[in-house]
C-alpha atoms as a PDB file:
ATOM      1  CA  MET A   1      71.319  99.623  12.771  1.00  0.00           C
ATOM      2  CA  ALA A   2      71.310 103.006  10.500  1.00  0.00           C
ATOM      3  CA  ALA A   3      70.775 102.600   6.631  1.00  0.00           C
ATOM      4  CA  SER A   4      74.459 103.843   5.084  1.00  0.00           C
ATOM      5  CA  TYR A   5      74.372 106.281   2.266  1.00  0.00           C
ATOM      6  CA  ASP A   6      76.750 106.339  -1.050  1.00  0.00           C
ATOM      7  CA  PHE A   7      76.578 110.511  -0.612  1.00  0.00           C
ATOM      8  CA  PRO A   8      78.959 111.951  -4.223  1.00  0.00           C
ATOM      9  CA  GLN A   9      81.717 113.210  -3.214  1.00  0.00           C
ATOM     10  CA  ASP A  10      80.770 116.919  -3.988  1.00  0.00           C
ATOM     11  CA  LEU A  11      77.952 116.908  -1.729  1.00  0.00           C
ATOM     12  CA  THR A  12      80.409 115.516   1.481  1.00  0.00           C
ATOM     13  CA  ASP A  13      83.244 118.012  -0.095  1.00  0.00           C
ATOM     14  CA  ALA A  14      79.698 120.665   0.665  1.00  0.00           C
ATOM     15  CA  GLN A  15      79.040 119.391   3.737  1.00  0.00           C
ATOM     16  CA  ASP A  16      82.930 118.928   4.967  1.00  0.00           C
ATOM     17  CA  GLU A  17      83.522 122.591   3.783  1.00  0.00           C
ATOM     18  CA  LEU A  18      80.340 123.853   5.768  1.00  0.00           C
ATOM     19  CA  ARG A  19      81.346 122.206   9.328  1.00  0.00           C
ATOM     20  CA  GLN A  20      84.653 123.885   8.699  1.00  0.00           C
ATOM     21  CA  VAL A  21      83.531 127.535   7.678  1.00  0.00           C
ATOM     22  CA  ARG A  22      81.006 127.771  10.821  1.00  0.00           C
ATOM     23  CA  ALA A  23      84.029 126.398  13.839  1.00  0.00           C
ATOM     24  CA  ASP A  24      86.015 129.079  11.703  1.00  0.00           C
ATOM     25  CA  LEU A  25      82.894 131.253  12.329  1.00  0.00           C
ATOM     26  CA  GLN A  26      82.887 130.669  15.331  1.00  0.00           C
ATOM     27  CA  THR A  27      86.513 131.489  16.178  1.00  0.00           C
ATOM     28  CA  VAL A  28      85.929 134.622  14.997  1.00  0.00           C
ATOM     29  CA  TYR A  29      83.253 135.526  17.047  1.00  0.00           C
ATOM     30  CA  ARG A  30      84.898 135.204  20.089  1.00  0.00           C
ATOM     31  CA  ARG A  31      87.629 136.810  19.188  1.00  0.00           C
ATOM     32  CA  VAL A  32      85.593 139.982  18.299  1.00  0.00           C
ATOM     33  CA  PRO A  33      83.961 142.685  21.001  1.00  0.00           C
ATOM     34  CA  TRP A  34      79.857 140.895  21.203  1.00  0.00           C
ATOM     35  CA  SER A  35      78.477 143.463  19.115  1.00  0.00           C
ATOM     36  CA  ALA A  36      79.444 144.761  15.253  1.00  0.00           C
ATOM     37  CA  GLU A  37      78.612 148.599  16.115  1.00  0.00           C
ATOM     38  CA  PRO A  38      79.943 150.699  18.962  1.00  0.00           C
ATOM     39  CA  LEU A  39      77.713 150.667  22.278  1.00  0.00           C
ATOM     40  CA  ASP A  40      78.268 151.700  25.449  1.00  0.00           C
ATOM     41  CA  ALA A  41      77.288 149.013  28.276  1.00  0.00           C
ATOM     42  CA  TRP A  42      74.768 147.963  29.676  1.00  0.00           C
ATOM     43  CA  GLU A  43      72.581 145.406  32.661  1.00  0.00           C
ATOM     44  CA  THR A  44      69.649 144.608  32.817  1.00  0.00           C
ATOM     45  CA  HIS A  45      67.264 146.186  36.099  1.00  0.00           C
ATOM     46  CA  GLU A  46      67.735 145.361  39.430  1.00  0.00           C
ATOM     47  CA  ASN A  47      64.491 143.268  40.189  1.00  0.00           C
ATOM     48  CA  ALA A  48      64.889 141.903  36.232  1.00  0.00           C
ATOM     49  CA  TRP A  49      63.946 138.227  36.261  1.00  0.00           C
ATOM     50  CA  ARG A  50      67.042 137.523  34.739  1.00  0.00           C
ATOM     51  CA  PRO A  51      70.100 139.422  35.148  1.00  0.00           C
ATOM     52  CA  SER A  52      72.995 140.523  32.484  1.00  0.00           C
ATOM     53  CA  SER A  53      74.907 143.057  31.743  1.00  0.00           C
ATOM     54  CA  ARG A  54      77.863 143.752  28.426  1.00  0.00           C
ATOM     55  CA  PRO A  55      80.370 145.374  28.603  1.00  0.00           C
ATOM     56  CA  ALA A  56      81.090 148.655  26.642  1.00  0.00           C
ATOM     57  CA  SER A  57      81.802 147.311  22.669  1.00  0.00           C
ATOM     58  CA  PRO A  58      84.072 149.081  20.355  1.00  0.00           C
ATOM     59  CA  GLY A  59      82.645 147.294  17.846  1.00  0.00           C
ATOM     60  CA  TRP A  60      84.704 145.652  15.246  1.00  0.00           C
ATOM     61  CA  ASP A  61      87.059 146.415  12.839  1.00  0.00           C
ATOM     62  CA  PRO A  62      86.755 146.408   8.898  1.00  0.00           C
ATOM     63  CA  GLN A  63      89.273 142.947   8.564  1.00  0.00           C
ATOM     64  CA  ASP A  64      87.247 140.854  11.592  1.00  0.00           C
ATOM     65  CA  ALA A  65      83.774 142.122   9.499  1.00  0.00           C
ATOM     66  CA  ALA A  66      85.009 140.893   7.036  1.00  0.00           C
ATOM     67  CA  GLU A  67      85.848 138.005   7.336  1.00  0.00           C
ATOM     68  CA  ILE A  68      83.073 137.894   8.992  1.00  0.00           C
ATOM     69  CA  ALA A  69      81.212 138.739   5.827  1.00  0.00           C
ATOM     70  CA  ARG A  70      82.819 136.229   3.556  1.00  0.00           C
ATOM     71  CA  LEU A  71      82.474 133.155   6.094  1.00  0.00           C
ATOM     72  CA  ARG A  72      78.525 134.663   6.371  1.00  0.00           C
ATOM     73  CA  ALA A  73      78.242 134.383   2.542  1.00  0.00           C
ATOM     74  CA  ARG A  74      80.157 131.040   1.859  1.00  0.00           C
ATOM     75  CA  GLU A  75      78.108 129.822   4.709  1.00  0.00           C
ATOM     76  CA  VAL A  76      74.917 130.221   2.776  1.00  0.00           C
ATOM     77  CA  GLU A  77      76.261 128.999  -0.438  1.00  0.00           C
ATOM     78  CA  LEU A  78      76.917 125.782   0.468  1.00  0.00           C
ATOM     79  CA  ALA A  79      74.390 125.436   2.732  1.00  0.00           C
ATOM     80  CA  THR A  80      72.367 125.990  -0.463  1.00  0.00           C
ATOM     81  CA  ALA A  81      74.072 123.811  -2.640  1.00  0.00           C
ATOM     82  CA  ILE A  82      74.122 121.029  -0.079  1.00  0.00           C
ATOM     83  CA  VAL A  83      70.112 121.830   0.450  1.00  0.00           C
ATOM     84  CA  THR A  84      69.365 121.825  -3.575  1.00  0.00           C
ATOM     85  CA  HIS A  85      72.037 118.715  -4.351  1.00  0.00           C
ATOM     86  CA  ALA A  86      70.073 116.202  -6.875  1.00  0.00           C
ATOM     87  CA  TYR A  87      71.278 112.794  -4.603  1.00  0.00           C
ATOM     88  CA  TRP A  88      68.271 114.096  -2.917  1.00  0.00           C
ATOM     89  CA  SER A  89      65.650 113.655  -5.309  1.00  0.00           C
ATOM     90  CA  SER A  90      66.875 109.954  -6.002  1.00  0.00           C
ATOM     91  CA  LEU A  91      65.631 108.653  -2.195  1.00  0.00           C
ATOM     92  CA  ALA A  92      62.287 108.545  -1.472  1.00  0.00           C
ATOM     93  CA  PRO A  93      60.928 111.523   0.415  1.00  0.00           C
ATOM     94  CA  ALA A  94      60.736 109.883   3.384  1.00  0.00           C
ATOM     95  CA  ASP A  95      64.525 108.819   3.920  1.00  0.00           C
ATOM     96  CA  VAL A  96      66.080 112.327   2.829  1.00  0.00           C
ATOM     97  CA  LEU A  97      66.237 113.995   6.536  1.00  0.00           C
ATOM     98  CA  ALA A  98      67.635 110.293   8.073  1.00  0.00           C
ATOM     99  CA  ALA A  99      69.696 110.929   4.924  1.00  0.00           C
ATOM    100  CA  ARG A 100      70.492 114.530   5.761  1.00  0.00           C
ATOM    101  CA  ASP A 101      70.901 113.398   9.379  1.00  0.00           C
ATOM    102  CA  ALA A 102      73.676 111.200   7.701  1.00  0.00           C
ATOM    103  CA  LEU A 103      75.412 113.320   6.256  1.00  0.00           C
ATOM    104  CA  LYS A 104      75.875 115.503   9.084  1.00  0.00           C
ATOM    105  CA  HIS A 105      77.739 112.898  10.537  1.00  0.00           C
ATOM    106  CA  HIS A 106      79.482 111.201   7.983  1.00  0.00           C
ATOM    107  CA  HIS A 107      82.857 112.799   9.534  1.00  0.00           C
ATOM    108  CA  GLU A 108      82.500 111.126  12.950  1.00  0.00           C
ATOM    109  CA  LEU A 109      81.886 107.930  10.956  1.00  0.00           C
ATOM    110  CA  MET A 110      84.658 108.528   8.577  1.00  0.00           C
ATOM    111  CA  ALA A 111      86.842 109.192  11.318  1.00  0.00           C
ATOM    112  CA  ASP A 112      85.583 105.819  13.040  1.00  0.00           C
ATOM    113  CA  ALA A 113      86.345 104.264  10.573  1.00  0.00           C
ATOM    114  CA  SER A 114      89.893 104.870   9.543  1.00  0.00           C
ATOM    115  CA  SER A 115      90.790 104.489  14.158  1.00  0.00           C
END
């Protein structure tokens, strides 16, 4: 049976927001062209080990670039807050990895508990 941890609310809130920010980033990345800067189309040589190609990219528009920059900055802030949180120092060093993994999945446990 997996150990349970009494995570502080600010730590679980930060983890939840980090998960949401990463989901928002993925949504934006799916919407924008493959290249941030305008680039011509390309494809690998016909004898390439793994053939691939990309269409021409007009680059990201300024609004998308600003949104991505904002989300990336928030992602770094949240990840830093989580990794440097004082809670981790209350655990034995050997338990930190398992606790960190539990924090990453606490939303699943909360969803199961509310079902």
